[in-house]
């Protein structure tokens, strides 16, 4: 079978490329979600604002937590929400004076834990992958429908002289 560059192949390769991209991102996020399976209570030490540029500000938290009677400290930067001004982020910090935090962690082979304050199930990536799968199945059905229509039309075009 000879590979031809036509509209159907371009659509197919584009959708499959998007599915591979989103699927690999989903796999990486699911691995991180599954790895952070241990939960302990942590204590907030300090909260601050990390300013990337004039309109991109993130909240950062320094915290401590205990694992197997050992005390560890870490720093976490919240990815969302992003604040446009440093003052807005500082107001949120002032409003939320939470000293007890939920810390998710997993232990490495050397016994040191890797921790995070966020453990998010990647639902958006599940939805995107499902939508792309549906679009792929639709275009595959559409291609078969048009191929069938083309075959039926070619059989009826017999010219009599």
N, C-alpha and C. Protein backbone atom coordinates (compact mmCIF):
# COMPACT_ATOMS: atom_id res chain seq x y z
N UNK A 1 0.84 -1.18 0.00
CA UNK A 1 0.00 0.00 0.00
C UNK A 1 0.88 1.24 0.00
N UNK A 2 0.60 2.11 -0.90
CA UNK A 2 1.41 3.31 -1.10
C UNK A 2 0.87 4.45 -0.23
N UNK A 3 1.78 5.16 0.43
CA UNK A 3 1.38 6.29 1.28
C UNK A 3 1.25 7.52 0.40
N UNK A 4 0.06 8.11 0.41
CA UNK A 4 -0.18 9.33 -0.34
C UNK A 4 -0.42 10.47 0.64
N UNK A 5 0.03 11.64 0.26
CA UNK A 5 -0.25 12.82 1.07
C UNK A 5 -1.57 13.39 0.56
N UNK A 6 -2.59 13.20 1.35
CA UNK A 6 -3.88 13.79 1.04
C UNK A 6 -4.49 14.36 2.30
N UNK A 7 -5.68 14.89 2.17
CA UNK A 7 -6.33 15.56 3.28
C UNK A 7 -6.53 14.61 4.46
N UNK A 8 -6.92 13.36 4.21
CA UNK A 8 -7.22 12.43 5.29
C UNK A 8 -5.97 12.08 6.09
N UNK A 9 -4.85 11.90 5.39
CA UNK A 9 -3.60 11.57 6.09
C UNK A 9 -3.11 12.75 6.94
N UNK A 10 -3.27 13.97 6.42
CA UNK A 10 -2.86 15.15 7.18
C UNK A 10 -3.71 15.29 8.43
N UNK A 11 -5.03 15.11 8.30
CA UNK A 11 -5.92 15.20 9.45
C UNK A 11 -5.57 14.11 10.47
N UNK A 12 -5.37 12.88 9.98
CA UNK A 12 -5.05 11.76 10.85
C UNK A 12 -3.75 12.01 11.61
N UNK A 13 -2.69 12.42 10.91
CA UNK A 13 -1.40 12.65 11.56
C UNK A 13 -1.45 13.81 12.54
N UNK A 14 -2.22 14.85 12.23
CA UNK A 14 -2.35 15.99 13.14
C UNK A 14 -3.04 15.57 14.43
N UNK A 15 -4.13 14.83 14.30
CA UNK A 15 -4.87 14.41 15.50
C UNK A 15 -4.05 13.41 16.32
N UNK A 16 -3.39 12.48 15.66
CA UNK A 16 -2.57 11.50 16.38
C UNK A 16 -1.40 12.20 17.07
N UNK A 17 -0.81 13.19 16.42
CA UNK A 17 0.27 13.97 17.06
C UNK A 17 -0.22 14.68 18.31
N UNK A 18 -1.41 15.28 18.24
CA UNK A 18 -1.99 15.91 19.41
C UNK A 18 -2.29 14.92 20.52
N UNK A 19 -2.76 13.72 20.12
CA UNK A 19 -3.05 12.69 21.12
C UNK A 19 -1.78 12.21 21.79
N UNK A 20 -0.70 12.08 21.04
CA UNK A 20 0.57 11.66 21.63
C UNK A 20 1.09 12.73 22.59
N UNK A 21 0.98 14.00 22.18
CA UNK A 21 1.44 15.11 23.02
C UNK A 21 0.66 15.15 24.33
N UNK A 22 -0.66 15.15 24.25
CA UNK A 22 -1.49 15.23 25.45
C UNK A 22 -1.38 13.95 26.27
N UNK A 23 -1.28 12.80 25.59
CA UNK A 23 -1.15 11.53 26.31
C UNK A 23 0.14 11.43 27.09
N UNK A 24 1.24 11.93 26.53
CA UNK A 24 2.51 11.89 27.26
C UNK A 24 2.48 12.86 28.44
N UNK A 25 1.87 14.03 28.25
CA UNK A 25 1.72 14.97 29.35
C UNK A 25 0.82 14.39 30.44
N UNK A 26 -0.25 13.73 30.04
CA UNK A 26 -1.15 13.09 30.99
C UNK A 26 -0.43 11.98 31.76
N UNK A 27 0.39 11.22 31.07
CA UNK A 27 1.14 10.14 31.74
C UNK A 27 2.09 10.70 32.79
N UNK A 28 2.80 11.77 32.44
CA UNK A 28 3.73 12.37 33.41
C UNK A 28 2.98 12.92 34.62
N UNK A 29 1.83 13.56 34.38
CA UNK A 29 1.07 14.11 35.50
C UNK A 29 0.45 13.01 36.36
N UNK A 30 0.03 11.92 35.74
CA UNK A 30 -0.53 10.81 36.50
C UNK A 30 0.54 10.12 37.35
N UNK A 31 1.76 10.01 36.82
CA UNK A 31 2.85 9.43 37.60
C UNK A 31 3.10 10.28 38.85
N UNK A 32 3.11 11.60 38.69
CA UNK A 32 3.31 12.47 39.85
C UNK A 32 2.13 12.37 40.81
N UNK A 33 0.92 12.26 40.29
CA UNK A 33 -0.25 12.14 41.15
C UNK A 33 -0.21 10.85 41.96
N UNK A 34 0.18 9.77 41.32
CA UNK A 34 0.24 8.47 42.01
C UNK A 34 1.38 8.42 43.01
N UNK A 35 2.51 9.04 42.66
CA UNK A 35 3.67 9.00 43.57
C UNK A 35 3.43 9.74 44.88
N UNK A 36 2.72 10.86 44.81
CA UNK A 36 2.43 11.61 46.04
C UNK A 36 1.29 10.92 46.78
N UNK A 37 1.60 9.76 47.35
CA UNK A 37 0.55 8.96 47.98
C UNK A 37 0.55 9.05 49.51
N UNK A 38 1.55 9.64 50.09
CA UNK A 38 1.61 9.78 51.55
C UNK A 38 1.24 11.21 51.94
N UNK A 39 0.53 11.32 53.04
CA UNK A 39 0.05 12.62 53.48
C UNK A 39 0.37 12.82 54.96
N UNK A 40 0.93 14.00 55.27
CA UNK A 40 1.18 14.38 56.65
C UNK A 40 0.74 15.83 56.84
N UNK A 41 0.71 16.23 58.10
CA UNK A 41 0.38 17.62 58.40
C UNK A 41 1.67 18.40 58.51
N UNK A 42 1.70 19.57 57.88
CA UNK A 42 2.88 20.42 57.92
C UNK A 42 2.58 21.75 58.58
N UNK A 43 3.62 22.49 58.87
CA UNK A 43 3.49 23.79 59.50
C UNK A 43 4.06 24.86 58.57
N UNK A 44 3.29 25.92 58.38
CA UNK A 44 3.76 27.03 57.56
C UNK A 44 4.77 27.85 58.35
N UNK A 45 5.90 28.12 57.73
CA UNK A 45 6.93 28.93 58.38
C UNK A 45 6.84 30.37 57.88
N UNK A 46 6.74 30.52 56.57
CA UNK A 46 6.74 31.86 55.98
C UNK A 46 6.02 31.79 54.63
N UNK A 47 5.28 32.83 54.29
CA UNK A 47 4.66 32.96 52.99
C UNK A 47 5.15 34.24 52.34
N UNK A 48 5.35 34.19 51.04
CA UNK A 48 5.82 35.36 50.32
C UNK A 48 5.34 35.33 48.88
N UNK A 49 5.73 36.36 48.15
CA UNK A 49 5.34 36.49 46.75
C UNK A 49 6.58 36.40 45.89
N UNK A 50 6.52 35.55 44.88
CA UNK A 50 7.60 35.43 43.90
C UNK A 50 7.16 36.16 42.65
N UNK A 51 7.91 37.18 42.25
CA UNK A 51 7.53 38.01 41.12
C UNK A 51 8.40 37.67 39.91
N UNK A 52 7.75 37.09 38.88
CA UNK A 52 8.47 36.78 37.65
C UNK A 52 8.63 38.01 36.78
N UNK A 53 7.57 38.74 36.61
CA UNK A 53 7.60 39.99 35.85
C UNK A 53 6.59 40.94 36.48
N UNK A 54 6.31 42.05 35.82
CA UNK A 54 5.41 43.04 36.41
C UNK A 54 4.01 42.51 36.62
N UNK A 55 3.56 41.57 35.76
CA UNK A 55 2.18 41.10 35.86
C UNK A 55 2.06 39.60 36.12
N UNK A 56 3.13 38.95 36.54
CA UNK A 56 3.08 37.53 36.88
C UNK A 56 3.67 37.35 38.28
N UNK A 57 2.80 37.03 39.23
CA UNK A 57 3.19 36.85 40.62
C UNK A 57 2.61 35.55 41.16
N UNK A 58 3.42 34.80 41.87
CA UNK A 58 3.00 33.54 42.47
C UNK A 58 3.22 33.60 43.98
N UNK A 59 2.39 32.85 44.70
CA UNK A 59 2.54 32.74 46.15
C UNK A 59 3.49 31.59 46.46
N UNK A 60 4.48 31.85 47.30
CA UNK A 60 5.43 30.83 47.74
C UNK A 60 5.27 30.62 49.25
N UNK A 61 5.43 29.37 49.66
CA UNK A 61 5.27 29.02 51.07
C UNK A 61 6.47 28.18 51.50
N UNK A 62 7.09 28.59 52.59
CA UNK A 62 8.10 27.77 53.26
C UNK A 62 7.39 26.99 54.35
N UNK A 63 7.65 25.69 54.44
CA UNK A 63 6.95 24.87 55.41
C UNK A 63 7.86 23.77 55.93
N UNK A 64 7.46 23.19 57.06
CA UNK A 64 8.16 22.06 57.65
C UNK A 64 7.17 20.93 57.86
N UNK A 65 7.69 19.70 57.85
CA UNK A 65 6.85 18.53 58.09
C UNK A 65 7.72 17.42 58.65
N UNK A 66 7.07 16.48 59.34
CA UNK A 66 7.77 15.36 59.97
C UNK A 66 7.42 14.06 59.26
N UNK A 67 8.47 13.30 58.93
CA UNK A 67 8.31 11.96 58.36
C UNK A 67 9.19 11.01 59.16
N UNK A 68 8.57 10.02 59.77
CA UNK A 68 9.28 9.03 60.57
C UNK A 68 10.18 9.69 61.61
N UNK A 69 9.61 10.62 62.32
CA UNK A 69 10.25 11.38 63.40
C UNK A 69 11.47 12.18 62.94
N UNK A 70 11.56 12.49 61.67
CA UNK A 70 12.59 13.40 61.17
C UNK A 70 11.89 14.64 60.63
N UNK A 71 12.47 15.79 60.90
CA UNK A 71 11.90 17.05 60.47
C UNK A 71 12.53 17.48 59.15
N UNK A 72 11.70 17.84 58.19
CA UNK A 72 12.16 18.31 56.89
C UNK A 72 11.54 19.66 56.61
N UNK A 73 12.24 20.47 55.87
CA UNK A 73 11.70 21.76 55.44
C UNK A 73 11.74 21.82 53.92
N UNK A 74 10.80 22.57 53.36
CA UNK A 74 10.71 22.68 51.90
C UNK A 74 10.04 24.00 51.55
N UNK A 75 10.08 24.30 50.27
CA UNK A 75 9.44 25.50 49.75
C UNK A 75 8.57 25.09 48.58
N UNK A 76 7.39 25.70 48.49
CA UNK A 76 6.46 25.37 47.42
C UNK A 76 5.95 26.65 46.78
N UNK A 77 5.90 26.66 45.44
CA UNK A 77 5.32 27.77 44.71
C UNK A 77 4.01 27.30 44.09
N UNK A 78 2.91 27.95 44.42
CA UNK A 78 1.62 27.62 43.85
C UNK A 78 1.58 28.06 42.38
N UNK A 79 1.27 27.14 41.49
CA UNK A 79 1.21 27.46 40.06
C UNK A 79 -0.01 28.30 39.72
N UNK A 80 -1.12 28.00 40.38
CA UNK A 80 -2.35 28.75 40.12
C UNK A 80 -2.92 29.16 41.45
N UNK A 81 -3.52 30.29 41.57
CA UNK A 81 -3.73 31.32 40.57
C UNK A 81 -2.49 32.21 40.40
N UNK A 82 -2.44 32.86 39.26
CA UNK A 82 -1.38 33.82 38.96
C UNK A 82 -1.96 35.21 39.22
N UNK A 83 -1.24 36.00 39.98
CA UNK A 83 -1.72 37.34 40.33
C UNK A 83 -1.03 38.38 39.46
N UNK A 84 -1.80 39.38 39.04
CA UNK A 84 -1.25 40.41 38.17
C UNK A 84 -0.40 41.43 38.92
N UNK A 85 -0.71 41.64 40.19
CA UNK A 85 0.08 42.58 40.97
C UNK A 85 0.58 41.91 42.24
N UNK A 86 1.69 42.40 42.71
CA UNK A 86 2.28 41.87 43.94
C UNK A 86 1.39 42.18 45.13
N UNK A 87 0.73 43.32 45.09
CA UNK A 87 -0.16 43.71 46.20
C UNK A 87 -1.35 42.76 46.33
N UNK A 88 -1.90 42.32 45.20
CA UNK A 88 -3.03 41.39 45.24
C UNK A 88 -2.61 40.07 45.87
N UNK A 89 -1.43 39.58 45.53
CA UNK A 89 -0.94 38.33 46.10
C UNK A 89 -0.69 38.49 47.60
N UNK A 90 -0.16 39.64 48.00
CA UNK A 90 0.08 39.87 49.42
C UNK A 90 -1.22 39.99 50.21
N UNK A 91 -2.28 40.52 49.59
CA UNK A 91 -3.59 40.57 50.25
C UNK A 91 -4.14 39.16 50.47
N UNK A 92 -3.95 38.28 49.51
CA UNK A 92 -4.41 36.90 49.66
C UNK A 92 -3.65 36.22 50.78
N UNK A 93 -2.35 36.47 50.85
CA UNK A 93 -1.55 35.88 51.94
C UNK A 93 -2.03 36.40 53.29
N UNK A 94 -2.33 37.70 53.37
CA UNK A 94 -2.79 38.27 54.64
C UNK A 94 -4.16 37.72 55.04
N UNK A 95 -5.02 37.46 54.06
CA UNK A 95 -6.36 36.93 54.35
C UNK A 95 -6.30 35.48 54.80
N UNK A 96 -5.41 34.71 54.23
CA UNK A 96 -5.34 33.27 54.53
C UNK A 96 -4.15 32.99 55.44
N UNK A 97 -4.35 33.19 56.70
CA UNK A 97 -3.31 32.90 57.70
C UNK A 97 -3.48 31.46 58.18
N UNK A 98 -3.16 30.54 57.32
CA UNK A 98 -3.27 29.12 57.65
C UNK A 98 -1.89 28.62 58.06
N UNK A 99 -1.80 28.09 59.27
CA UNK A 99 -0.52 27.59 59.76
C UNK A 99 -0.36 26.09 59.54
N UNK A 100 -1.48 25.36 59.52
CA UNK A 100 -1.43 23.91 59.29
C UNK A 100 -1.70 23.64 57.81
N UNK A 101 -0.83 22.85 57.20
CA UNK A 101 -0.92 22.55 55.78
C UNK A 101 -0.98 21.05 55.57
N UNK A 102 -1.60 20.64 54.49
CA UNK A 102 -1.58 19.23 54.08
C UNK A 102 -0.40 19.06 53.12
N UNK A 103 0.52 18.19 53.49
CA UNK A 103 1.73 17.97 52.70
C UNK A 103 1.67 16.57 52.09
N UNK A 104 1.81 16.50 50.78
CA UNK A 104 1.89 15.22 50.08
C UNK A 104 3.37 14.94 49.79
N UNK A 105 3.78 13.69 49.98
CA UNK A 105 5.19 13.38 49.75
C UNK A 105 5.34 11.93 49.30
N UNK A 106 6.51 11.66 48.72
CA UNK A 106 6.94 10.29 48.50
C UNK A 106 8.41 10.21 48.88
N UNK A 107 8.80 9.04 49.37
CA UNK A 107 10.17 8.87 49.84
C UNK A 107 11.05 8.33 48.72
N UNK A 108 12.21 8.93 48.59
CA UNK A 108 13.19 8.43 47.64
C UNK A 108 13.91 7.24 48.25
N UNK A 109 14.79 6.62 47.47
CA UNK A 109 15.53 5.45 47.96
C UNK A 109 16.47 5.80 49.10
N UNK A 110 16.97 7.04 49.12
CA UNK A 110 17.88 7.42 50.21
C UNK A 110 17.13 7.88 51.46
N UNK A 111 15.80 7.83 51.44
CA UNK A 111 15.01 8.16 52.62
C UNK A 111 14.56 9.60 52.70
N UNK A 112 15.05 10.45 51.81
CA UNK A 112 14.63 11.85 51.82
C UNK A 112 13.34 11.98 51.02
N UNK A 113 12.36 12.65 51.60
CA UNK A 113 11.08 12.79 50.88
C UNK A 113 11.09 13.95 49.90
N UNK A 114 10.34 13.79 48.83
CA UNK A 114 10.02 14.88 47.91
C UNK A 114 8.58 15.26 48.22
N UNK A 115 8.34 16.54 48.48
CA UNK A 115 7.03 16.95 48.96
C UNK A 115 6.40 18.01 48.08
N UNK A 116 5.10 18.16 48.25
CA UNK A 116 4.34 19.18 47.54
C UNK A 116 3.11 19.51 48.36
N UNK A 117 2.59 20.72 48.16
CA UNK A 117 1.35 21.11 48.81
C UNK A 117 0.15 20.91 47.88
N UNK A 118 0.41 20.52 46.64
CA UNK A 118 -0.66 20.32 45.66
C UNK A 118 -0.59 18.90 45.13
N UNK A 119 -1.75 18.29 45.02
CA UNK A 119 -1.87 16.96 44.41
C UNK A 119 -3.13 17.00 43.55
N UNK A 120 -2.96 17.33 42.28
CA UNK A 120 -4.09 17.55 41.39
C UNK A 120 -4.24 16.42 40.39
N UNK A 121 -5.45 15.87 40.31
CA UNK A 121 -5.76 14.88 39.29
C UNK A 121 -5.92 15.62 37.96
N UNK A 122 -5.20 15.20 36.91
CA UNK A 122 -5.24 15.94 35.64
C UNK A 122 -6.51 15.67 34.83
N UNK A 123 -7.63 16.17 35.32
CA UNK A 123 -8.92 15.94 34.66
C UNK A 123 -8.97 16.62 33.29
N UNK A 124 -8.40 17.82 33.17
CA UNK A 124 -8.41 18.53 31.88
C UNK A 124 -7.73 17.69 30.80
N UNK A 125 -6.62 17.05 31.13
CA UNK A 125 -5.93 16.24 30.13
C UNK A 125 -6.74 15.00 29.76
N UNK A 126 -7.45 14.42 30.74
CA UNK A 126 -8.35 13.30 30.43
C UNK A 126 -9.41 13.74 29.42
N UNK A 127 -10.01 14.90 29.67
CA UNK A 127 -11.06 15.41 28.79
C UNK A 127 -10.50 15.71 27.41
N UNK A 128 -9.35 16.36 27.34
CA UNK A 128 -8.75 16.68 26.05
C UNK A 128 -8.43 15.43 25.25
N UNK A 129 -7.88 14.43 25.92
CA UNK A 129 -7.56 13.18 25.22
C UNK A 129 -8.83 12.48 24.75
N UNK A 130 -9.88 12.52 25.55
CA UNK A 130 -11.15 11.92 25.15
C UNK A 130 -11.76 12.65 23.95
N UNK A 131 -11.70 13.97 23.96
CA UNK A 131 -12.23 14.75 22.83
C UNK A 131 -11.44 14.46 21.57
N UNK A 132 -10.12 14.41 21.66
CA UNK A 132 -9.31 14.10 20.47
C UNK A 132 -9.58 12.69 19.97
N UNK A 133 -9.81 11.74 20.87
CA UNK A 133 -10.15 10.38 20.46
C UNK A 133 -11.48 10.38 19.72
N UNK A 134 -12.46 11.12 20.22
CA UNK A 134 -13.75 11.23 19.54
C UNK A 134 -13.62 11.87 18.17
N UNK A 135 -12.81 12.92 18.06
CA UNK A 135 -12.60 13.57 16.77
C UNK A 135 -11.91 12.62 15.80
N UNK A 136 -10.94 11.87 16.28
CA UNK A 136 -10.25 10.90 15.43
C UNK A 136 -11.22 9.83 14.92
N UNK A 137 -12.04 9.30 15.82
CA UNK A 137 -13.01 8.29 15.40
C UNK A 137 -14.01 8.87 14.40
N UNK A 138 -14.44 10.12 14.60
CA UNK A 138 -15.36 10.76 13.66
C UNK A 138 -14.73 10.90 12.28
N UNK A 139 -13.50 11.36 12.20
CA UNK A 139 -12.87 11.53 10.90
C UNK A 139 -12.58 10.20 10.23
N UNK A 140 -12.28 9.17 11.02
CA UNK A 140 -12.10 7.84 10.43
C UNK A 140 -13.43 7.34 9.84
N UNK A 141 -14.53 7.54 10.55
CA UNK A 141 -15.84 7.15 10.03
C UNK A 141 -16.17 7.96 8.78
N UNK A 142 -15.87 9.27 8.81
CA UNK A 142 -16.15 10.13 7.66
C UNK A 142 -15.33 9.70 6.44
N UNK A 143 -14.09 9.32 6.67
CA UNK A 143 -13.25 8.86 5.56
C UNK A 143 -13.82 7.59 4.94
N UNK A 144 -14.23 6.64 5.76
CA UNK A 144 -14.82 5.41 5.23
C UNK A 144 -16.13 5.68 4.49
N UNK A 145 -16.90 6.63 5.03
CA UNK A 145 -18.16 6.97 4.37
C UNK A 145 -17.90 7.55 2.99
N UNK A 146 -16.96 8.48 2.88
CA UNK A 146 -16.66 9.08 1.57
C UNK A 146 -16.02 8.08 0.62
N UNK A 147 -15.17 7.19 1.14
CA UNK A 147 -14.59 6.15 0.29
C UNK A 147 -15.67 5.22 -0.25
N UNK A 148 -16.62 4.87 0.58
CA UNK A 148 -17.73 4.03 0.14
C UNK A 148 -18.57 4.76 -0.90
N UNK A 149 -18.80 6.05 -0.67
CA UNK A 149 -19.57 6.85 -1.61
C UNK A 149 -18.84 6.97 -2.94
N UNK A 150 -17.52 7.10 -2.91
CA UNK A 150 -16.72 7.21 -4.13
C UNK A 150 -16.75 5.90 -4.91
N UNK A 151 -16.68 4.76 -4.21
CA UNK A 151 -16.75 3.46 -4.88
C UNK A 151 -18.11 3.24 -5.53
N UNK A 152 -19.20 3.59 -4.84
CA UNK A 152 -20.54 3.44 -5.40
C UNK A 152 -20.72 4.33 -6.61
N UNK A 153 -20.20 5.53 -6.57
CA UNK A 153 -20.35 6.46 -7.69
C UNK A 153 -19.55 6.00 -8.90
N UNK A 154 -18.38 5.42 -8.68
CA UNK A 154 -17.56 4.97 -9.81
C UNK A 154 -18.19 3.76 -10.51
N UNK A 155 -18.94 2.94 -9.80
CA UNK A 155 -19.58 1.79 -10.42
C UNK A 155 -20.76 2.21 -11.27
N UNK A 156 -21.40 3.30 -10.99
CA UNK A 156 -22.58 3.75 -11.72
C UNK A 156 -22.23 4.63 -12.90
N UNK A 157 -20.98 4.98 -13.07
CA UNK A 157 -20.59 5.86 -14.17
C UNK A 157 -20.08 5.07 -15.37
N UNK A 158 -20.89 4.22 -15.88
CA UNK A 158 -20.53 3.44 -17.06
C UNK A 158 -21.12 4.17 -18.25
N UNK A 159 -20.26 4.56 -19.14
CA UNK A 159 -20.69 5.33 -20.32
C UNK A 159 -20.94 4.36 -21.46
N UNK A 160 -22.13 4.44 -22.03
CA UNK A 160 -22.46 3.57 -23.15
C UNK A 160 -22.30 4.39 -24.42
N UNK A 161 -21.65 3.82 -25.38
CA UNK A 161 -21.46 4.49 -26.66
C UNK A 161 -22.37 3.93 -27.71
